[in-house]
Amino acid sequence: MKRDSKLSGILHVVLHMASLDTPVTSEKLAAMMGTNPVVVRRIMAGLRERGLVHSEKGHGGGWTIARDLEDFTMADVYAAVGAPEIFALGHRSEQPLCLVEQAVNAALDDAFAEAEALLMSRFAGVTLGALAADFRQRLKTRHQSVEEQHHDL
């Protein structure tokens, strides 16, 4: 089953961007994410609309972080990338006539709603600043520099 990795990918590149002093082009971000620059621009547009990133066109242009990472949570980024479906599981039929299937759907709906609420609560509790701090701590533990981690930029 193919998983939607858009959230993970954009969190990855945003944290790289946050540790850089220069703009990053859509082409470089696309290379990091293994996708097309057009896809990156579409995803980044959602982040720009919410004020997390800024873009400049032309020579020396690219994407930069626009606000303090403590002002944004994983839930904000999730919303900015279009709030993709969390679960690949679903109902066999959305409007079943069978009473057994109706009971199954009701139980699944309750479980899905509870799991989604828990996940969104967790996303809302993690700021991008906390993720950046975790990254910096991991760098210290490995005795690496930020530059060594940006080899793919």
Protein backbone atom coordinates (compact mmCIF):
# COMPACT_ATOMS: atom_id res chain seq x y z
CA MET A 1 0.00 0.00 0.00
CA LYS A 2 1.36 3.40 -1.00
CA ARG A 3 1.53 5.83 1.87
CA ASP A 4 1.17 9.60 1.57
CA SER A 5 4.56 10.97 2.61
CA LYS A 6 3.83 14.62 1.80
CA LEU A 7 3.69 15.70 5.47
CA SER A 8 6.90 13.89 6.37
CA GLY A 9 8.67 15.23 3.29
CA ILE A 10 7.67 18.84 3.81
CA LEU A 11 8.55 18.74 7.52
CA HIS A 12 11.96 17.38 6.48
CA VAL A 13 12.70 20.18 4.02
CA VAL A 14 11.29 22.93 6.25
CA LEU A 15 13.65 21.91 9.04
CA HIS A 16 16.59 21.91 6.63
CA MET A 17 15.51 25.35 5.40
CA ALA A 18 15.26 26.67 8.95
CA SER A 19 18.92 25.94 9.58
CA LEU A 20 20.09 27.72 6.43
CA ASP A 21 20.82 31.41 5.95
CA THR A 22 20.04 31.38 2.23
CA PRO A 23 16.92 30.79 0.13
CA VAL A 24 16.40 27.28 -1.23
CA THR A 25 15.06 26.78 -4.75
CA SER A 26 12.11 24.58 -5.60
CA GLU A 27 14.49 22.47 -7.67
CA LYS A 28 16.70 21.73 -4.66
CA LEU A 29 13.71 21.00 -2.45
CA ALA A 30 12.28 18.71 -5.14
CA ALA A 31 15.56 16.80 -5.30
CA MET A 32 15.43 16.30 -1.53
CA MET A 33 11.83 15.07 -1.69
CA GLY A 34 12.32 12.98 -4.82
CA THR A 35 9.60 14.81 -6.71
CA ASN A 36 9.02 17.50 -9.32
CA PRO A 37 9.60 21.23 -8.58
CA VAL A 38 5.99 21.95 -9.62
CA VAL A 39 4.77 19.62 -6.87
CA VAL A 40 7.04 21.39 -4.37
CA ARG A 41 5.75 24.82 -5.40
CA ARG A 42 2.16 23.60 -4.98
CA ILE A 43 2.88 22.23 -1.50
CA MET A 44 4.92 25.26 -0.45
CA ALA A 45 2.10 27.57 -1.58
CA GLY A 46 -0.04 26.20 1.25
CA LEU A 47 2.73 26.98 3.73
CA ARG A 48 3.15 30.46 2.23
CA GLU A 49 -0.59 31.14 2.58
CA ARG A 50 -0.30 30.34 6.29
CA GLY A 51 2.75 32.58 6.71
CA LEU A 52 5.35 29.90 7.44
CA VAL A 53 7.47 30.41 4.33
CA HIS A 54 8.24 33.21 1.92
CA SER A 55 9.37 33.02 -1.69
CA GLU A 56 11.44 35.32 -3.85
CA LYS A 57 11.69 35.01 -7.62
CA GLY A 58 14.76 35.57 -9.74
CA HIS A 59 18.48 35.17 -9.27
CA GLY A 60 19.27 34.44 -5.62
CA GLY A 61 15.61 33.72 -4.93
CA GLY A 62 13.94 30.71 -3.45
CA TRP A 63 12.05 29.68 -0.33
CA THR A 64 12.86 30.90 3.18
CA ILE A 65 11.30 30.49 6.61
CA ALA A 66 9.11 33.52 7.31
CA ARG A 67 8.18 33.10 10.99
CA ASP A 68 9.42 31.67 14.24
CA LEU A 69 9.15 27.89 14.21
CA GLU A 70 7.59 27.97 17.68
CA ASP A 71 4.54 29.61 16.09
CA PHE A 72 3.76 26.53 13.98
CA THR A 73 2.81 22.99 14.87
CA MET A 74 2.77 19.77 12.92
CA ALA A 75 -1.03 20.23 12.78
CA ASP A 76 -0.55 23.56 10.99
CA VAL A 77 1.71 21.95 8.40
CA TYR A 78 -0.71 19.02 8.04
CA ALA A 79 -3.48 21.50 7.22
CA ALA A 80 -1.19 23.42 4.85
CA VAL A 81 -0.45 20.29 2.79
CA GLY A 82 -4.16 19.69 2.30
CA ALA A 83 -5.00 17.52 5.33
CA PRO A 84 -4.54 14.20 3.50
CA GLU A 85 -6.53 11.16 4.57
CA ILE A 86 -5.00 9.68 7.68
CA PHE A 87 -6.26 6.14 7.25
CA ALA A 88 -6.19 3.87 4.24
CA LEU A 89 -8.92 1.79 5.88
CA GLY A 90 -12.52 2.44 4.99
CA HIS A 91 -15.99 1.01 4.65
CA ARG A 92 -16.88 -1.67 2.13
CA SER A 93 -19.97 0.37 1.38
CA GLU A 94 -20.80 3.89 2.57
CA GLN A 95 -24.60 3.41 2.57
CA PRO A 96 -25.16 -0.28 3.33
CA LEU A 97 -28.64 -1.77 3.48
CA CYS A 98 -27.35 -4.71 5.51
CA LEU A 99 -27.81 -4.16 9.26
CA VAL A 100 -24.62 -6.13 10.02
CA GLU A 101 -22.61 -3.84 7.75
CA GLN A 102 -24.24 -0.80 9.36
CA ALA A 103 -23.08 -2.05 12.78
CA VAL A 104 -19.57 -2.65 11.44
CA ASN A 105 -19.44 0.83 9.87
CA ALA A 106 -20.61 2.44 13.12
CA ALA A 107 -17.88 0.69 15.10
CA LEU A 108 -15.24 1.61 12.52
CA ASP A 109 -16.42 5.24 12.45
CA ASP A 110 -16.06 5.49 16.22
CA ALA A 111 -12.58 3.96 16.17
CA PHE A 112 -11.42 6.12 13.25
CA ALA A 113 -12.73 9.31 14.89
CA GLU A 114 -11.04 8.50 18.19
CA ALA A 115 -7.72 7.65 16.54
CA GLU A 116 -7.81 10.74 14.32
CA ALA A 117 -8.58 13.01 17.29
CA LEU A 118 -5.62 11.56 19.21
CA LEU A 119 -3.28 11.99 16.24
CA MET A 120 -4.38 15.59 15.62
CA SER A 121 -3.93 16.35 19.32
CA ARG A 122 -0.38 15.03 19.13
CA PHE A 123 0.32 17.01 15.94
CA ALA A 124 -0.99 20.17 17.65
CA GLY A 125 1.35 19.60 20.58
CA VAL A 126 4.58 19.48 18.55
CA THR A 127 5.98 22.77 17.29
CA LEU A 128 8.41 22.98 14.43
CA GLY A 129 10.71 24.67 16.94
CA ALA A 130 10.67 21.49 19.04
CA LEU A 131 11.51 19.42 15.95
CA ALA A 132 14.38 21.81 15.12
CA ALA A 133 15.68 21.51 18.70
CA ASP A 134 15.55 17.71 18.42
CA PHE A 135 17.52 17.94 15.15
CA ARG A 136 20.18 20.14 16.77
CA GLN A 137 20.48 17.73 19.71
CA ARG A 138 20.92 14.81 17.33
CA LEU A 139 23.68 16.76 15.57
CA LYS A 140 25.49 17.24 18.87
CA THR A 141 25.15 13.55 19.74
CA ARG A 142 26.69 12.57 16.40
CA HIS A 143 29.28 15.36 16.58
CA GLN A 144 28.20 16.62 13.16
CA SER A 145 27.74 20.11 11.80
CA VAL A 146 24.64 21.49 10.15
CA GLU A 147 26.59 21.67 6.88
CA GLU A 148 27.24 17.93 6.98
CA GLN A 149 23.49 17.34 7.21
CA HIS A 150 22.81 19.60 4.22
CA HIS A 151 24.80 17.45 1.81
CA ASP A 152 21.66 16.98 -0.28
CA LEU A 153 21.14 20.71 -0.66
